[in-house]
């Protein structure tokens, strides 16, 4: 006798469980006055995941989001793009941030 699972008859239920729910994120955004401005984020890669290593004192992120976004938090999205899938290295991320007039970061709540 073989066991049939409930989900075998209902393919709509066989969806993978999402890694995050929408309320698992904090969103922080900073607009730059000039293209050359530094937003003040120092990132690091641990395995395939990206984390905030440091927020430079006096930077736009420090002034606007002090205490809300902190060092050590995992970054999931950068300007609504999945950071782990769309960016391979630090140079690519820094180049992308320099070209943007607004930088949005989605971090995982602790």
C-alpha atoms as a PDB file:
ATOM      1  CA  UNK A   1       0.000   0.000   0.000  1.00  0.00           C
ATOM      2  CA  UNK A   2       1.455   3.343  -0.967  1.00  0.00           C
ATOM      3  CA  UNK A   3       0.855   6.526   0.915  1.00  0.00           C
ATOM      4  CA  UNK A   4      -0.474   9.437  -1.063  1.00  0.00           C
ATOM      5  CA  UNK A   5       0.111  12.828   0.364  1.00  0.00           C
ATOM      6  CA  UNK A   6      -2.493  15.531   0.304  1.00  0.00           C
ATOM      7  CA  UNK A   7      -0.263  17.807  -1.749  1.00  0.00           C
ATOM      8  CA  UNK A   8       0.167  15.285  -4.574  1.00  0.00           C
ATOM      9  CA  UNK A   9      -3.412  15.909  -5.636  1.00  0.00           C
ATOM     10  CA  UNK A  10      -3.120  19.678  -5.212  1.00  0.00           C
ATOM     11  CA  UNK A  11      -0.155  21.077  -7.174  1.00  0.00           C
ATOM     12  CA  UNK A  12      -0.883  24.613  -5.950  1.00  0.00           C
ATOM     13  CA  UNK A  13       0.176  23.521  -2.457  1.00  0.00           C
ATOM     14  CA  UNK A  14       3.535  22.213  -3.666  1.00  0.00           C
ATOM     15  CA  UNK A  15       5.126  25.666  -3.742  1.00  0.00           C
ATOM     16  CA  UNK A  16       8.457  26.095  -1.989  1.00  0.00           C
ATOM     17  CA  UNK A  17       8.342  27.852   1.344  1.00  0.00           C
ATOM     18  CA  UNK A  18       9.674  31.402   0.936  1.00  0.00           C
ATOM     19  CA  UNK A  19      12.824  32.226   2.855  1.00  0.00           C
ATOM     20  CA  UNK A  20      11.413  35.525   4.084  1.00  0.00           C
ATOM     21  CA  UNK A  21       8.006  37.019   4.680  1.00  0.00           C
ATOM     22  CA  UNK A  22       7.393  40.655   3.647  1.00  0.00           C
ATOM     23  CA  UNK A  23       7.426  41.911   7.253  1.00  0.00           C
ATOM     24  CA  UNK A  24      10.843  40.344   7.939  1.00  0.00           C
ATOM     25  CA  UNK A  25      12.584  43.341   6.342  1.00  0.00           C
ATOM     26  CA  UNK A  26      13.536  46.853   7.303  1.00  0.00           C
ATOM     27  CA  UNK A  27      13.812  49.322   4.419  1.00  0.00           C
ATOM     28  CA  UNK A  28      16.146  52.293   4.540  1.00  0.00           C
ATOM     29  CA  UNK A  29      16.644  54.776   1.698  1.00  0.00           C
ATOM     30  CA  UNK A  30      19.030  57.678   1.139  1.00  0.00           C
ATOM     31  CA  UNK A  31      18.986  60.150  -1.744  1.00  0.00           C
ATOM     32  CA  UNK A  32      22.292  61.567  -2.893  1.00  0.00           C
ATOM     33  CA  UNK A  33      22.688  65.229  -3.819  1.00  0.00           C
ATOM     34  CA  UNK A  34      25.647  64.526  -6.124  1.00  0.00           C
ATOM     35  CA  UNK A  35      26.639  61.398  -7.967  1.00  0.00           C
ATOM     36  CA  UNK A  36      30.023  61.464  -6.207  1.00  0.00           C
ATOM     37  CA  UNK A  37      28.557  61.425  -2.681  1.00  0.00           C
ATOM     38  CA  UNK A  38      29.318  58.445  -0.481  1.00  0.00           C
ATOM     39  CA  UNK A  39      26.298  56.935   1.289  1.00  0.00           C
ATOM     40  CA  UNK A  40      28.477  55.617   4.100  1.00  0.00           C
ATOM     41  CA  UNK A  41      27.883  51.866   3.919  1.00  0.00           C
ATOM     42  CA  UNK A  42      30.775  49.434   4.204  1.00  0.00           C
ATOM     43  CA  UNK A  43      29.704  45.940   3.160  1.00  0.00           C
ATOM     44  CA  UNK A  44      31.256  42.522   3.581  1.00  0.00           C
ATOM     45  CA  UNK A  45      30.498  39.115   2.125  1.00  0.00           C
ATOM     46  CA  UNK A  46      30.254  36.017   4.310  1.00  0.00           C
ATOM     47  CA  UNK A  47      29.760  32.990   2.101  1.00  0.00           C
ATOM     48  CA  UNK A  48      27.008  33.995  -0.308  1.00  0.00           C
ATOM     49  CA  UNK A  49      25.384  36.498   2.048  1.00  0.00           C
ATOM     50  CA  UNK A  50      26.121  40.228   2.296  1.00  0.00           C
ATOM     51  CA  UNK A  51      26.253  42.087   5.604  1.00  0.00           C
ATOM     52  CA  UNK A  52      26.765  45.674   6.730  1.00  0.00           C
ATOM     53  CA  UNK A  53      30.276  45.779   8.142  1.00  0.00           C
ATOM     54  CA  UNK A  54      30.230  49.409   9.212  1.00  0.00           C
ATOM     55  CA  UNK A  55      28.242  52.610   8.812  1.00  0.00           C
ATOM     56  CA  UNK A  56      30.640  55.540   8.561  1.00  0.00           C
ATOM     57  CA  UNK A  57      30.076  58.238  11.216  1.00  0.00           C
ATOM     58  CA  UNK A  58      28.543  61.426   9.785  1.00  0.00           C
ATOM     59  CA  UNK A  59      27.425  59.695   6.570  1.00  0.00           C
ATOM     60  CA  UNK A  60      23.869  60.022   5.193  1.00  0.00           C
ATOM     61  CA  UNK A  61      22.963  56.551   6.466  1.00  0.00           C
ATOM     62  CA  UNK A  62      24.314  57.409   9.913  1.00  0.00           C
ATOM     63  CA  UNK A  63      22.394  60.698  10.073  1.00  0.00           C
ATOM     64  CA  UNK A  64      19.095  59.354   8.758  1.00  0.00           C
ATOM     65  CA  UNK A  65      18.971  55.764  10.007  1.00  0.00           C
ATOM     66  CA  UNK A  66      21.101  55.646  13.180  1.00  0.00           C
ATOM     67  CA  UNK A  67      19.820  52.810  15.340  1.00  0.00           C
ATOM     68  CA  UNK A  68      17.417  51.596  12.655  1.00  0.00           C
ATOM     69  CA  UNK A  69      20.018  50.031  10.367  1.00  0.00           C
ATOM     70  CA  UNK A  70      23.049  48.739  12.232  1.00  0.00           C
ATOM     71  CA  UNK A  71      26.343  47.029  11.509  1.00  0.00           C
ATOM     72  CA  UNK A  72      26.048  43.258  11.305  1.00  0.00           C
ATOM     73  CA  UNK A  73      22.623  43.171   9.652  1.00  0.00           C
ATOM     74  CA  UNK A  74      22.158  41.016   6.554  1.00  0.00           C
ATOM     75  CA  UNK A  75      21.344  42.854   3.326  1.00  0.00           C
ATOM     76  CA  UNK A  76      18.832  41.090   1.101  1.00  0.00           C
ATOM     77  CA  UNK A  77      17.980  43.724  -1.523  1.00  0.00           C
ATOM     78  CA  UNK A  78      19.749  46.748  -2.933  1.00  0.00           C
ATOM     79  CA  UNK A  79      17.415  49.054  -4.910  1.00  0.00           C
ATOM     80  CA  UNK A  80      14.828  46.244  -5.222  1.00  0.00           C
ATOM     81  CA  UNK A  81      17.387  43.849  -6.710  1.00  0.00           C
ATOM     82  CA  UNK A  82      18.310  40.655  -4.921  1.00  0.00           C
ATOM     83  CA  UNK A  83      21.879  41.306  -3.825  1.00  0.00           C
ATOM     84  CA  UNK A  84      22.913  37.627  -3.700  1.00  0.00           C
ATOM     85  CA  UNK A  85      21.718  36.852  -7.235  1.00  0.00           C
ATOM     86  CA  UNK A  86      22.534  40.073  -9.128  1.00  0.00           C
ATOM     87  CA  UNK A  87      25.900  41.094  -7.676  1.00  0.00           C
ATOM     88  CA  UNK A  88      29.005  38.944  -7.644  1.00  0.00           C
ATOM     89  CA  UNK A  89      31.605  41.170  -6.025  1.00  0.00           C
ATOM     90  CA  UNK A  90      32.316  44.302  -4.063  1.00  0.00           C
ATOM     91  CA  UNK A  91      33.476  46.270  -7.119  1.00  0.00           C
ATOM     92  CA  UNK A  92      30.176  45.626  -8.873  1.00  0.00           C
ATOM     93  CA  UNK A  93      28.175  46.779  -5.830  1.00  0.00           C
ATOM     94  CA  UNK A  94      30.272  49.919  -5.341  1.00  0.00           C
ATOM     95  CA  UNK A  95      29.946  50.809  -9.025  1.00  0.00           C
ATOM     96  CA  UNK A  96      26.176  50.273  -8.862  1.00  0.00           C
ATOM     97  CA  UNK A  97      25.820  52.469  -5.751  1.00  0.00           C
ATOM     98  CA  UNK A  98      27.886  55.275  -7.329  1.00  0.00           C
ATOM     99  CA  UNK A  99      25.621  55.376 -10.398  1.00  0.00           C
ATOM    100  CA  UNK A 100      22.360  55.561  -8.428  1.00  0.00           C
ATOM    101  CA  UNK A 101      20.787  58.803  -7.219  1.00  0.00           C
ATOM    102  CA  UNK A 102      18.902  56.962  -4.466  1.00  0.00           C
ATOM    103  CA  UNK A 103      20.083  53.929  -2.534  1.00  0.00           C
ATOM    104  CA  UNK A 104      17.506  51.633  -0.928  1.00  0.00           C
ATOM    105  CA  UNK A 105      18.604  48.822   1.326  1.00  0.00           C
ATOM    106  CA  UNK A 106      16.410  46.005   2.626  1.00  0.00           C
ATOM    107  CA  UNK A 107      17.903  44.360   5.719  1.00  0.00           C
ATOM    108  CA  UNK A 108      16.618  41.451   7.784  1.00  0.00           C
ATOM    109  CA  UNK A 109      15.099  42.348  11.131  1.00  0.00           C
ATOM    110  CA  UNK A 110      16.876  40.916  14.140  1.00  0.00           C
END
